[in-house]
Amino acid sequence: MSLINEYRATEEAIKELQARLKNLSQDDKLQTELEFEGKLRTLMGEYQKSLRDIIALLDPEAKLNKAPRGGAVKATGTKRARKVKQYKNPHNGEVIETKGGNHKTLKEWKAKWGGDVVEGWATLLG
């Protein structure tokens, strides 16, 4: 798209948005909502309450229906926890503990002596 075409398209979009904004600003429902929001925020400030306080007051069960803040609800039983394995290298006596196969030293051992041999060194810890 040429620069002049982009300019004209942007100008047209601005005109459409300005017309929409004008229509919305004349809407009585919007004016009522804006007035309500302003009064509610003033009242919240007067009583030093947050939106969370208001929601907890008006809908105490809202916390039961939502996930805890910062993450989704963990589904029970969908993925089992991996167990810790302890590997003892019989060649040098070195011991490592890991839950998975992405351990640097474990990878080195498997590359040197083979995966089946190294897995034979494993002891399940729990």
C-alpha atoms as a PDB file:
ATOM      1  CA  MET A   1       0.000   0.000   0.000  1.00  0.00           C
ATOM      2  CA  SER A   2       1.367   3.381  -0.921  1.00  0.00           C
ATOM      3  CA  LEU A   3       1.799   6.036   1.698  1.00  0.00           C
ATOM      4  CA  ILE A   4      -0.975   8.219   0.251  1.00  0.00           C
ATOM      5  CA  ASN A   5      -3.417   5.274   0.245  1.00  0.00           C
ATOM      6  CA  GLU A   6      -2.539   4.506   3.850  1.00  0.00           C
ATOM      7  CA  TYR A   7      -3.075   8.191   4.716  1.00  0.00           C
ATOM      8  CA  ARG A   8      -6.515   8.242   3.072  1.00  0.00           C
ATOM      9  CA  ALA A   9      -7.557   4.967   4.711  1.00  0.00           C
ATOM     10  CA  THR A  10      -6.468   6.253   8.123  1.00  0.00           C
ATOM     11  CA  GLU A  11      -8.282   9.536   7.556  1.00  0.00           C
ATOM     12  CA  GLU A  12     -11.463   7.671   6.608  1.00  0.00           C
ATOM     13  CA  ALA A  13     -11.177   5.431   9.679  1.00  0.00           C
ATOM     14  CA  ILE A  14     -10.781   8.502  11.887  1.00  0.00           C
ATOM     15  CA  LYS A  15     -13.917  10.061  10.402  1.00  0.00           C
ATOM     16  CA  GLU A  16     -15.893   6.866  11.018  1.00  0.00           C
ATOM     17  CA  LEU A  17     -14.661   6.639  14.602  1.00  0.00           C
ATOM     18  CA  GLN A  18     -15.465  10.315  15.240  1.00  0.00           C
ATOM     19  CA  ALA A  19     -19.005   9.780  13.962  1.00  0.00           C
ATOM     20  CA  ARG A  20     -19.382   6.720  16.177  1.00  0.00           C
ATOM     21  CA  LEU A  21     -18.023   8.621  19.183  1.00  0.00           C
ATOM     22  CA  LYS A  22     -20.484  11.459  18.538  1.00  0.00           C
ATOM     23  CA  ASN A  23     -23.394   8.996  18.402  1.00  0.00           C
ATOM     24  CA  LEU A  24     -22.263   7.293  21.610  1.00  0.00           C
ATOM     25  CA  SER A  25     -21.822  10.563  23.465  1.00  0.00           C
ATOM     26  CA  GLN A  26     -25.436  11.467  22.687  1.00  0.00           C
ATOM     27  CA  ASP A  27     -26.739   8.105  23.936  1.00  0.00           C
ATOM     28  CA  ASP A  28     -28.773   8.439  27.142  1.00  0.00           C
ATOM     29  CA  LYS A  29     -27.814   4.938  28.317  1.00  0.00           C
ATOM     30  CA  LEU A  30     -24.125   5.829  28.130  1.00  0.00           C
ATOM     31  CA  GLN A  31     -24.699   9.056  30.051  1.00  0.00           C
ATOM     32  CA  THR A  32     -26.555   7.132  32.766  1.00  0.00           C
ATOM     33  CA  GLU A  33     -23.763   4.538  33.019  1.00  0.00           C
ATOM     34  CA  LEU A  34     -21.052   7.196  33.166  1.00  0.00           C
ATOM     35  CA  GLU A  35     -22.947   9.040  35.877  1.00  0.00           C
ATOM     36  CA  PHE A  36     -23.401   5.822  37.868  1.00  0.00           C
ATOM     37  CA  GLU A  37     -19.719   4.921  37.520  1.00  0.00           C
ATOM     38  CA  GLY A  38     -18.653   8.363  38.696  1.00  0.00           C
ATOM     39  CA  LYS A  39     -20.927   8.252  41.736  1.00  0.00           C
ATOM     40  CA  LEU A  40     -19.841   4.693  42.551  1.00  0.00           C
ATOM     41  CA  ARG A  41     -16.137   5.566  42.370  1.00  0.00           C
ATOM     42  CA  THR A  42     -16.720   8.647  44.557  1.00  0.00           C
ATOM     43  CA  LEU A  43     -18.556   6.530  47.114  1.00  0.00           C
ATOM     44  CA  MET A  44     -15.822   3.866  47.013  1.00  0.00           C
ATOM     45  CA  GLY A  45     -13.218   6.540  47.658  1.00  0.00           C
ATOM     46  CA  GLU A  46     -15.249   7.995  50.501  1.00  0.00           C
ATOM     47  CA  TYR A  47     -15.376   4.609  52.237  1.00  0.00           C
ATOM     48  CA  GLN A  48     -11.918   3.511  51.041  1.00  0.00           C
ATOM     49  CA  LYS A  49     -13.208   0.389  49.306  1.00  0.00           C
ATOM     50  CA  SER A  50     -11.854  -1.327  46.192  1.00  0.00           C
ATOM     51  CA  LEU A  51     -13.744  -3.073  43.417  1.00  0.00           C
ATOM     52  CA  ARG A  52     -12.854  -6.399  45.023  1.00  0.00           C
ATOM     53  CA  ASP A  53     -14.428  -5.261  48.281  1.00  0.00           C
ATOM     54  CA  ILE A  54     -17.624  -4.303  46.444  1.00  0.00           C
ATOM     55  CA  ILE A  55     -17.769  -7.609  44.572  1.00  0.00           C
ATOM     56  CA  ALA A  56     -17.162  -9.568  47.779  1.00  0.00           C
ATOM     57  CA  LEU A  57     -19.932  -7.592  49.461  1.00  0.00           C
ATOM     58  CA  LEU A  58     -22.477  -7.989  46.677  1.00  0.00           C
ATOM     59  CA  ASP A  59     -21.579 -11.511  45.563  1.00  0.00           C
ATOM     60  CA  PRO A  60     -19.785 -13.485  48.308  1.00  0.00           C
ATOM     61  CA  GLU A  61     -19.891 -16.678  46.232  1.00  0.00           C
ATOM     62  CA  ALA A  62     -17.940 -15.077  43.377  1.00  0.00           C
ATOM     63  CA  LYS A  63     -14.695 -16.374  44.878  1.00  0.00           C
ATOM     64  CA  LEU A  64     -15.974 -19.941  44.733  1.00  0.00           C
ATOM     65  CA  ASN A  65     -16.666 -19.749  41.012  1.00  0.00           C
ATOM     66  CA  LYS A  66     -13.360 -18.254  39.913  1.00  0.00           C
ATOM     67  CA  ALA A  67      -9.825 -19.524  39.726  1.00  0.00           C
ATOM     68  CA  PRO A  68      -7.357 -18.278  42.311  1.00  0.00           C
ATOM     69  CA  ARG A  69      -5.485 -15.167  41.270  1.00  0.00           C
ATOM     70  CA  GLY A  70      -2.407 -15.900  39.220  1.00  0.00           C
ATOM     71  CA  GLY A  71      -3.405 -19.205  37.661  1.00  0.00           C
ATOM     72  CA  ALA A  72      -5.999 -21.688  36.665  1.00  0.00           C
ATOM     73  CA  VAL A  73      -7.546 -24.210  38.980  1.00  0.00           C
ATOM     74  CA  LYS A  74      -5.446 -27.355  39.031  1.00  0.00           C
ATOM     75  CA  ALA A  75      -7.428 -30.337  37.911  1.00  0.00           C
ATOM     76  CA  THR A  76      -6.902 -33.182  40.346  1.00  0.00           C
ATOM     77  CA  GLY A  77      -5.542 -36.403  38.982  1.00  0.00           C
ATOM     78  CA  THR A  78      -4.828 -35.219  35.454  1.00  0.00           C
ATOM     79  CA  LYS A  79      -1.054 -35.457  35.671  1.00  0.00           C
ATOM     80  CA  ARG A  80       0.803 -37.503  38.205  1.00  0.00           C
ATOM     81  CA  ALA A  81       3.861 -36.073  39.888  1.00  0.00           C
ATOM     82  CA  ARG A  82       7.171 -37.509  38.753  1.00  0.00           C
ATOM     83  CA  LYS A  83       9.167 -39.407  41.324  1.00  0.00           C
ATOM     84  CA  VAL A  84      12.713 -38.545  42.302  1.00  0.00           C
ATOM     85  CA  LYS A  85      15.351 -40.924  40.982  1.00  0.00           C
ATOM     86  CA  GLN A  86      18.852 -41.215  42.360  1.00  0.00           C
ATOM     87  CA  TYR A  87      21.600 -42.245  39.971  1.00  0.00           C
ATOM     88  CA  LYS A  88      24.936 -43.492  41.334  1.00  0.00           C
ATOM     89  CA  ASN A  89      27.764 -43.733  38.845  1.00  0.00           C
ATOM     90  CA  PRO A  90      29.764 -46.880  39.712  1.00  0.00           C
ATOM     91  CA  HIS A  91      32.799 -45.586  37.801  1.00  0.00           C
ATOM     92  CA  ASN A  92      33.405 -42.488  39.937  1.00  0.00           C
ATOM     93  CA  GLY A  93      30.884 -42.750  42.807  1.00  0.00           C
ATOM     94  CA  GLU A  94      29.105 -39.522  41.794  1.00  0.00           C
ATOM     95  CA  VAL A  95      25.436 -39.327  42.828  1.00  0.00           C
ATOM     96  CA  ILE A  96      22.718 -37.168  41.273  1.00  0.00           C
ATOM     97  CA  GLU A  97      19.016 -36.850  42.054  1.00  0.00           C
ATOM     98  CA  THR A  98      16.500 -35.770  39.438  1.00  0.00           C
ATOM     99  CA  LYS A  99      12.823 -36.034  38.534  1.00  0.00           C
ATOM    100  CA  GLY A 100      13.392 -36.031  34.793  1.00  0.00           C
ATOM    101  CA  GLY A 101      15.914 -36.841  32.129  1.00  0.00           C
ATOM    102  CA  ASN A 102      16.867 -33.242  31.409  1.00  0.00           C
ATOM    103  CA  HIS A 103      19.764 -33.196  33.871  1.00  0.00           C
ATOM    104  CA  LYS A 104      23.087 -32.095  32.371  1.00  0.00           C
ATOM    105  CA  THR A 105      25.255 -34.703  34.078  1.00  0.00           C
ATOM    106  CA  LEU A 106      22.701 -37.441  33.438  1.00  0.00           C
ATOM    107  CA  LYS A 107      22.730 -36.605  29.728  1.00  0.00           C
ATOM    108  CA  GLU A 108      26.522 -36.785  29.701  1.00  0.00           C
ATOM    109  CA  TRP A 109      26.465 -40.179  31.369  1.00  0.00           C
ATOM    110  CA  LYS A 110      23.877 -41.495  28.907  1.00  0.00           C
ATOM    111  CA  ALA A 111      25.934 -40.230  25.995  1.00  0.00           C
ATOM    112  CA  LYS A 112      29.081 -41.894  27.369  1.00  0.00           C
ATOM    113  CA  TRP A 113      27.766 -45.217  28.694  1.00  0.00           C
ATOM    114  CA  GLY A 114      24.329 -45.537  27.019  1.00  0.00           C
ATOM    115  CA  GLY A 115      20.822 -44.872  28.277  1.00  0.00           C
ATOM    116  CA  ASP A 116      20.019 -48.457  29.266  1.00  0.00           C
ATOM    117  CA  VAL A 117      23.188 -48.811  31.325  1.00  0.00           C
ATOM    118  CA  VAL A 118      22.652 -45.501  33.134  1.00  0.00           C
ATOM    119  CA  GLU A 119      19.000 -46.338  33.867  1.00  0.00           C
ATOM    120  CA  GLY A 120      20.299 -49.472  35.563  1.00  0.00           C
ATOM    121  CA  TRP A 121      22.083 -47.213  38.050  1.00  0.00           C
ATOM    122  CA  ALA A 122      18.795 -45.570  39.114  1.00  0.00           C
ATOM    123  CA  THR A 123      17.134 -45.966  42.484  1.00  0.00           C
ATOM    124  CA  LEU A 124      13.594 -44.707  42.981  1.00  0.00           C
ATOM    125  CA  LEU A 125      13.419 -42.392  46.008  1.00  0.00           C
ATOM    126  CA  GLY A 126       9.744 -41.530  46.006  1.00  0.00           C
END
